[in-house]
């Protein structure tokens, strides 16, 4: 009878542990790099499936052609806020897949601002016109080992350029695309 009760208690305990719902992490920090930049980011938990991603970094620009003496590049600061809904955490957990570091599929609303603070470039007197963009994005985030993560996403949205501050007659709005592939280290 004691063995039966111990077995019943053990099975009940394991069912309780397995029935817990998945959740995003309270807070996670990391550094990421991709083809066109480097960023430091934090994701803070807002609810069990929603995290607010804040990011500061440098976006890169590259240009060249017959009109330039050499191929040019620039690094310009970017500030980003992005609420993310991780919609498949429970499914991943029930399939015994990792969800640490907010590993899962997400839908986000990426809002980025490029201020006209400074530019790092191989050309002198390069200036960036400030802009803000809002891009709904779908993406995935997956772990490689314990601390390394990769992330990819795609989205189409709107970008507003503050052209008047650079001497143009009107500010401009246009379609913006977010297509990113990043790899990073999670602390």
C-alpha atoms as a PDB file:
ATOM      1  CA  UNK A   1       0.000   0.000   0.000  1.00  0.00           C
ATOM      2  CA  UNK A   2       2.901   2.370   0.808  1.00  0.00           C
ATOM      3  CA  UNK A   3       4.492   1.679  -2.596  1.00  0.00           C
ATOM      4  CA  UNK A   4       1.148   2.338  -4.311  1.00  0.00           C
ATOM      5  CA  UNK A   5       0.680   5.677  -2.479  1.00  0.00           C
ATOM      6  CA  UNK A   6       4.274   6.717  -3.190  1.00  0.00           C
ATOM      7  CA  UNK A   7       3.835   5.879  -6.885  1.00  0.00           C
ATOM      8  CA  UNK A   8       0.519   7.773  -7.003  1.00  0.00           C
ATOM      9  CA  UNK A   9       2.094  10.816  -5.308  1.00  0.00           C
ATOM     10  CA  UNK A  10       5.068  10.774  -7.683  1.00  0.00           C
ATOM     11  CA  UNK A  11       2.805  10.574 -10.771  1.00  0.00           C
ATOM     12  CA  UNK A  12       0.573  13.382  -9.469  1.00  0.00           C
ATOM     13  CA  UNK A  13       3.614  15.568  -8.821  1.00  0.00           C
ATOM     14  CA  UNK A  14       4.980  14.981 -12.316  1.00  0.00           C
ATOM     15  CA  UNK A  15       1.596  15.851 -13.853  1.00  0.00           C
ATOM     16  CA  UNK A  16       1.513  19.097 -11.860  1.00  0.00           C
ATOM     17  CA  UNK A  17       5.014  20.024 -12.999  1.00  0.00           C
ATOM     18  CA  UNK A  18       4.182  19.246 -16.643  1.00  0.00           C
ATOM     19  CA  UNK A  19       0.889  21.180 -16.550  1.00  0.00           C
ATOM     20  CA  UNK A  20       2.572  24.515 -15.810  1.00  0.00           C
ATOM     21  CA  UNK A  21       2.229  27.023 -18.613  1.00  0.00           C
ATOM     22  CA  UNK A  22       5.222  28.467 -20.407  1.00  0.00           C
ATOM     23  CA  UNK A  23       6.225  32.086 -19.925  1.00  0.00           C
ATOM     24  CA  UNK A  24       8.721  34.570 -21.298  1.00  0.00           C
ATOM     25  CA  UNK A  25      11.683  35.314 -19.056  1.00  0.00           C
ATOM     26  CA  UNK A  26      11.468  38.124 -16.507  1.00  0.00           C
ATOM     27  CA  UNK A  27      14.408  39.928 -18.106  1.00  0.00           C
ATOM     28  CA  UNK A  28      17.099  38.885 -20.561  1.00  0.00           C
ATOM     29  CA  UNK A  29      20.085  40.860 -21.878  1.00  0.00           C
ATOM     30  CA  UNK A  30      22.251  40.276 -24.895  1.00  0.00           C
ATOM     31  CA  UNK A  31      24.370  41.611 -27.715  1.00  0.00           C
ATOM     32  CA  UNK A  32      23.631  40.819 -31.359  1.00  0.00           C
ATOM     33  CA  UNK A  33      25.243  41.380 -34.697  1.00  0.00           C
ATOM     34  CA  UNK A  34      23.999  40.939 -38.211  1.00  0.00           C
ATOM     35  CA  UNK A  35      24.959  41.838 -41.754  1.00  0.00           C
ATOM     36  CA  UNK A  36      24.260  45.539 -41.204  1.00  0.00           C
ATOM     37  CA  UNK A  37      24.959  46.466 -37.589  1.00  0.00           C
ATOM     38  CA  UNK A  38      25.545  45.681 -33.936  1.00  0.00           C
ATOM     39  CA  UNK A  39      23.057  46.075 -31.081  1.00  0.00           C
ATOM     40  CA  UNK A  40      22.713  45.680 -27.301  1.00  0.00           C
ATOM     41  CA  UNK A  41      19.241  44.576 -26.247  1.00  0.00           C
ATOM     42  CA  UNK A  42      17.025  43.792 -23.274  1.00  0.00           C
ATOM     43  CA  UNK A  43      13.685  41.992 -23.180  1.00  0.00           C
ATOM     44  CA  UNK A  44      11.489  42.619 -20.136  1.00  0.00           C
ATOM     45  CA  UNK A  45       8.414  40.562 -19.291  1.00  0.00           C
ATOM     46  CA  UNK A  46       5.060  42.341 -19.563  1.00  0.00           C
ATOM     47  CA  UNK A  47       2.870  39.204 -19.346  1.00  0.00           C
ATOM     48  CA  UNK A  48       3.338  35.451 -19.765  1.00  0.00           C
ATOM     49  CA  UNK A  49       3.585  35.778 -23.566  1.00  0.00           C
ATOM     50  CA  UNK A  50       4.503  39.453 -24.132  1.00  0.00           C
ATOM     51  CA  UNK A  51       7.961  41.001 -23.707  1.00  0.00           C
ATOM     52  CA  UNK A  52       9.112  44.554 -24.369  1.00  0.00           C
ATOM     53  CA  UNK A  53      12.375  44.606 -26.299  1.00  0.00           C
ATOM     54  CA  UNK A  54      14.514  47.729 -25.949  1.00  0.00           C
ATOM     55  CA  UNK A  55      17.596  48.069 -28.071  1.00  0.00           C
ATOM     56  CA  UNK A  56      20.400  50.525 -28.739  1.00  0.00           C
ATOM     57  CA  UNK A  57      23.022  50.041 -31.380  1.00  0.00           C
ATOM     58  CA  UNK A  58      24.449  50.983 -34.737  1.00  0.00           C
ATOM     59  CA  UNK A  59      22.860  50.408 -38.125  1.00  0.00           C
ATOM     60  CA  UNK A  60      25.212  50.232 -41.093  1.00  0.00           C
ATOM     61  CA  UNK A  61      24.991  51.749 -44.538  1.00  0.00           C
ATOM     62  CA  UNK A  62      27.117  50.816 -47.543  1.00  0.00           C
ATOM     63  CA  UNK A  63      27.296  52.587 -50.906  1.00  0.00           C
ATOM     64  CA  UNK A  64      29.497  52.653 -53.956  1.00  0.00           C
ATOM     65  CA  UNK A  65      29.583  52.995 -57.684  1.00  0.00           C
ATOM     66  CA  UNK A  66      31.159  55.027 -60.460  1.00  0.00           C
ATOM     67  CA  UNK A  67      30.354  58.386 -58.828  1.00  0.00           C
ATOM     68  CA  UNK A  68      32.413  57.674 -55.691  1.00  0.00           C
ATOM     69  CA  UNK A  69      36.181  57.472 -55.235  1.00  0.00           C
ATOM     70  CA  UNK A  70      35.819  54.458 -52.962  1.00  0.00           C
ATOM     71  CA  UNK A  71      33.118  52.288 -51.464  1.00  0.00           C
ATOM     72  CA  UNK A  72      31.619  54.080 -48.499  1.00  0.00           C
ATOM     73  CA  UNK A  73      30.253  52.845 -45.213  1.00  0.00           C
ATOM     74  CA  UNK A  74      28.674  54.443 -42.196  1.00  0.00           C
ATOM     75  CA  UNK A  75      27.507  53.516 -38.714  1.00  0.00           C
ATOM     76  CA  UNK A  76      24.645  55.537 -37.268  1.00  0.00           C
ATOM     77  CA  UNK A  77      22.954  55.157 -33.868  1.00  0.00           C
ATOM     78  CA  UNK A  78      19.507  53.574 -33.617  1.00  0.00           C
ATOM     79  CA  UNK A  79      17.078  53.323 -30.691  1.00  0.00           C
ATOM     80  CA  UNK A  80      14.399  50.628 -30.872  1.00  0.00           C
ATOM     81  CA  UNK A  81      11.361  49.623 -28.802  1.00  0.00           C
ATOM     82  CA  UNK A  82       9.429  46.533 -29.807  1.00  0.00           C
ATOM     83  CA  UNK A  83       6.622  44.791 -27.953  1.00  0.00           C
ATOM     84  CA  UNK A  84       6.735  41.091 -28.882  1.00  0.00           C
ATOM     85  CA  UNK A  85       4.052  38.445 -28.560  1.00  0.00           C
ATOM     86  CA  UNK A  86       5.662  34.996 -28.276  1.00  0.00           C
ATOM     87  CA  UNK A  87       2.768  32.869 -29.446  1.00  0.00           C
ATOM     88  CA  UNK A  88       4.094  29.301 -29.408  1.00  0.00           C
ATOM     89  CA  UNK A  89       5.864  28.901 -26.047  1.00  0.00           C
ATOM     90  CA  UNK A  90       3.376  26.331 -24.671  1.00  0.00           C
ATOM     91  CA  UNK A  91       3.573  24.274 -27.863  1.00  0.00           C
ATOM     92  CA  UNK A  92       7.386  24.310 -27.748  1.00  0.00           C
ATOM     93  CA  UNK A  93       7.428  23.333 -24.075  1.00  0.00           C
ATOM     94  CA  UNK A  94       5.002  20.433 -24.606  1.00  0.00           C
ATOM     95  CA  UNK A  95       7.213  19.155 -27.444  1.00  0.00           C
ATOM     96  CA  UNK A  96      10.201  19.327 -25.040  1.00  0.00           C
ATOM     97  CA  UNK A  97      11.830  22.142 -27.016  1.00  0.00           C
ATOM     98  CA  UNK A  98      13.748  24.945 -25.350  1.00  0.00           C
ATOM     99  CA  UNK A  99      12.061  28.232 -24.475  1.00  0.00           C
ATOM    100  CA  UNK A 100      14.902  29.774 -22.447  1.00  0.00           C
ATOM    101  CA  UNK A 101      15.980  33.219 -23.600  1.00  0.00           C
ATOM    102  CA  UNK A 102      12.494  33.671 -25.092  1.00  0.00           C
ATOM    103  CA  UNK A 103      13.123  31.077 -27.790  1.00  0.00           C
ATOM    104  CA  UNK A 104      10.048  30.887 -29.952  1.00  0.00           C
ATOM    105  CA  UNK A 105       8.053  32.470 -32.734  1.00  0.00           C
ATOM    106  CA  UNK A 106       6.967  36.065 -32.261  1.00  0.00           C
ATOM    107  CA  UNK A 107       4.936  38.895 -33.705  1.00  0.00           C
ATOM    108  CA  UNK A 108       6.317  42.334 -32.899  1.00  0.00           C
ATOM    109  CA  UNK A 109       5.760  46.005 -33.599  1.00  0.00           C
ATOM    110  CA  UNK A 110       9.290  47.296 -34.213  1.00  0.00           C
ATOM    111  CA  UNK A 111       9.586  51.047 -33.651  1.00  0.00           C
ATOM    112  CA  UNK A 112      13.024  52.464 -34.494  1.00  0.00           C
ATOM    113  CA  UNK A 113      14.435  55.994 -34.349  1.00  0.00           C
ATOM    114  CA  UNK A 114      17.647  57.080 -36.087  1.00  0.00           C
ATOM    115  CA  UNK A 115      18.718  60.365 -34.438  1.00  0.00           C
ATOM    116  CA  UNK A 116      21.073  62.809 -36.120  1.00  0.00           C
ATOM    117  CA  UNK A 117      23.633  62.652 -33.292  1.00  0.00           C
ATOM    118  CA  UNK A 118      26.794  61.499 -35.052  1.00  0.00           C
ATOM    119  CA  UNK A 119      27.967  59.268 -37.878  1.00  0.00           C
ATOM    120  CA  UNK A 120      31.025  57.055 -38.085  1.00  0.00           C
ATOM    121  CA  UNK A 121      32.149  56.827 -41.723  1.00  0.00           C
ATOM    122  CA  UNK A 122      35.147  56.586 -44.019  1.00  0.00           C
ATOM    123  CA  UNK A 123      33.884  59.792 -45.734  1.00  0.00           C
ATOM    124  CA  UNK A 124      34.018  63.202 -44.070  1.00  0.00           C
ATOM    125  CA  UNK A 125      30.980  65.433 -43.485  1.00  0.00           C
ATOM    126  CA  UNK A 126      28.419  62.632 -43.791  1.00  0.00           C
ATOM    127  CA  UNK A 127      25.100  63.385 -42.145  1.00  0.00           C
ATOM    128  CA  UNK A 128      22.060  61.207 -41.511  1.00  0.00           C
ATOM    129  CA  UNK A 129      18.568  62.651 -41.640  1.00  0.00           C
ATOM    130  CA  UNK A 130      16.549  61.557 -38.586  1.00  0.00           C
ATOM    131  CA  UNK A 131      13.714  59.133 -39.180  1.00  0.00           C
ATOM    132  CA  UNK A 132      11.261  56.961 -37.296  1.00  0.00           C
ATOM    133  CA  UNK A 133       9.796  53.689 -38.530  1.00  0.00           C
ATOM    134  CA  UNK A 134       6.994  51.435 -37.320  1.00  0.00           C
ATOM    135  CA  UNK A 135       7.096  47.937 -38.796  1.00  0.00           C
ATOM    136  CA  UNK A 136       4.899  44.967 -37.839  1.00  0.00           C
ATOM    137  CA  UNK A 137       7.295  42.002 -37.852  1.00  0.00           C
ATOM    138  CA  UNK A 138       7.033  38.213 -37.741  1.00  0.00           C
ATOM    139  CA  UNK A 139      10.101  36.316 -36.604  1.00  0.00           C
ATOM    140  CA  UNK A 140      11.710  33.391 -34.831  1.00  0.00           C
ATOM    141  CA  UNK A 141      14.347  33.193 -32.142  1.00  0.00           C
ATOM    142  CA  UNK A 142      16.279  29.977 -31.413  1.00  0.00           C
ATOM    143  CA  UNK A 143      19.169  28.922 -29.170  1.00  0.00           C
ATOM    144  CA  UNK A 144      22.490  27.497 -30.293  1.00  0.00           C
ATOM    145  CA  UNK A 145      24.054  26.114 -27.129  1.00  0.00           C
ATOM    146  CA  UNK A 146      23.536  27.771 -23.748  1.00  0.00           C
ATOM    147  CA  UNK A 147      24.221  31.449 -24.479  1.00  0.00           C
ATOM    148  CA  UNK A 148      24.267  31.862 -28.267  1.00  0.00           C
ATOM    149  CA  UNK A 149      21.000  32.738 -30.047  1.00  0.00           C
ATOM    150  CA  UNK A 150      20.007  33.419 -33.620  1.00  0.00           C
ATOM    151  CA  UNK A 151      17.035  35.427 -34.752  1.00  0.00           C
ATOM    152  CA  UNK A 152      15.394  36.207 -38.042  1.00  0.00           C
ATOM    153  CA  UNK A 153      12.410  38.340 -38.935  1.00  0.00           C
ATOM    154  CA  UNK A 154      10.508  39.982 -41.755  1.00  0.00           C
ATOM    155  CA  UNK A 155       8.010  42.821 -41.896  1.00  0.00           C
ATOM    156  CA  UNK A 156       6.645  45.715 -43.935  1.00  0.00           C
ATOM    157  CA  UNK A 157       5.659  49.030 -42.374  1.00  0.00           C
ATOM    158  CA  UNK A 158       6.009  52.816 -42.523  1.00  0.00           C
ATOM    159  CA  UNK A 159       8.985  55.174 -42.227  1.00  0.00           C
ATOM    160  CA  UNK A 160       8.743  58.932 -41.652  1.00  0.00           C
ATOM    161  CA  UNK A 161      11.837  61.020 -42.457  1.00  0.00           C
ATOM    162  CA  UNK A 162      12.318  64.443 -40.816  1.00  0.00           C
ATOM    163  CA  UNK A 163      13.715  66.030 -43.996  1.00  0.00           C
ATOM    164  CA  UNK A 164      12.853  69.640 -43.082  1.00  0.00           C
ATOM    165  CA  UNK A 165      15.574  69.681 -40.420  1.00  0.00           C
ATOM    166  CA  UNK A 166      18.115  68.969 -43.177  1.00  0.00           C
ATOM    167  CA  UNK A 167      16.903  71.856 -45.362  1.00  0.00           C
ATOM    168  CA  UNK A 168      14.335  70.111 -47.569  1.00  0.00           C
ATOM    169  CA  UNK A 169      10.897  71.634 -48.139  1.00  0.00           C
ATOM    170  CA  UNK A 170       8.822  68.734 -46.764  1.00  0.00           C
ATOM    171  CA  UNK A 171       9.168  65.716 -44.527  1.00  0.00           C
ATOM    172  CA  UNK A 172       8.641  62.392 -46.280  1.00  0.00           C
ATOM    173  CA  UNK A 173       6.845  59.149 -45.522  1.00  0.00           C
ATOM    174  CA  UNK A 174       7.431  55.867 -47.328  1.00  0.00           C
ATOM    175  CA  UNK A 175       7.171  52.104 -47.106  1.00  0.00           C
ATOM    176  CA  UNK A 176       9.854  50.461 -44.963  1.00  0.00           C
ATOM    177  CA  UNK A 177      10.993  46.845 -44.859  1.00  0.00           C
ATOM    178  CA  UNK A 178      12.491  44.983 -41.911  1.00  0.00           C
ATOM    179  CA  UNK A 179      14.454  41.930 -42.995  1.00  0.00           C
ATOM    180  CA  UNK A 180      16.954  40.798 -40.405  1.00  0.00           C
ATOM    181  CA  UNK A 181      19.161  37.829 -39.614  1.00  0.00           C
ATOM    182  CA  UNK A 182      21.149  38.163 -36.399  1.00  0.00           C
ATOM    183  CA  UNK A 183      23.313  36.063 -34.150  1.00  0.00           C
ATOM    184  CA  UNK A 184      24.103  37.032 -30.597  1.00  0.00           C
ATOM    185  CA  UNK A 185      25.203  36.226 -27.094  1.00  0.00           C
ATOM    186  CA  UNK A 186      22.714  36.140 -24.207  1.00  0.00           C
ATOM    187  CA  UNK A 187      24.049  37.050 -20.746  1.00  0.00           C
END
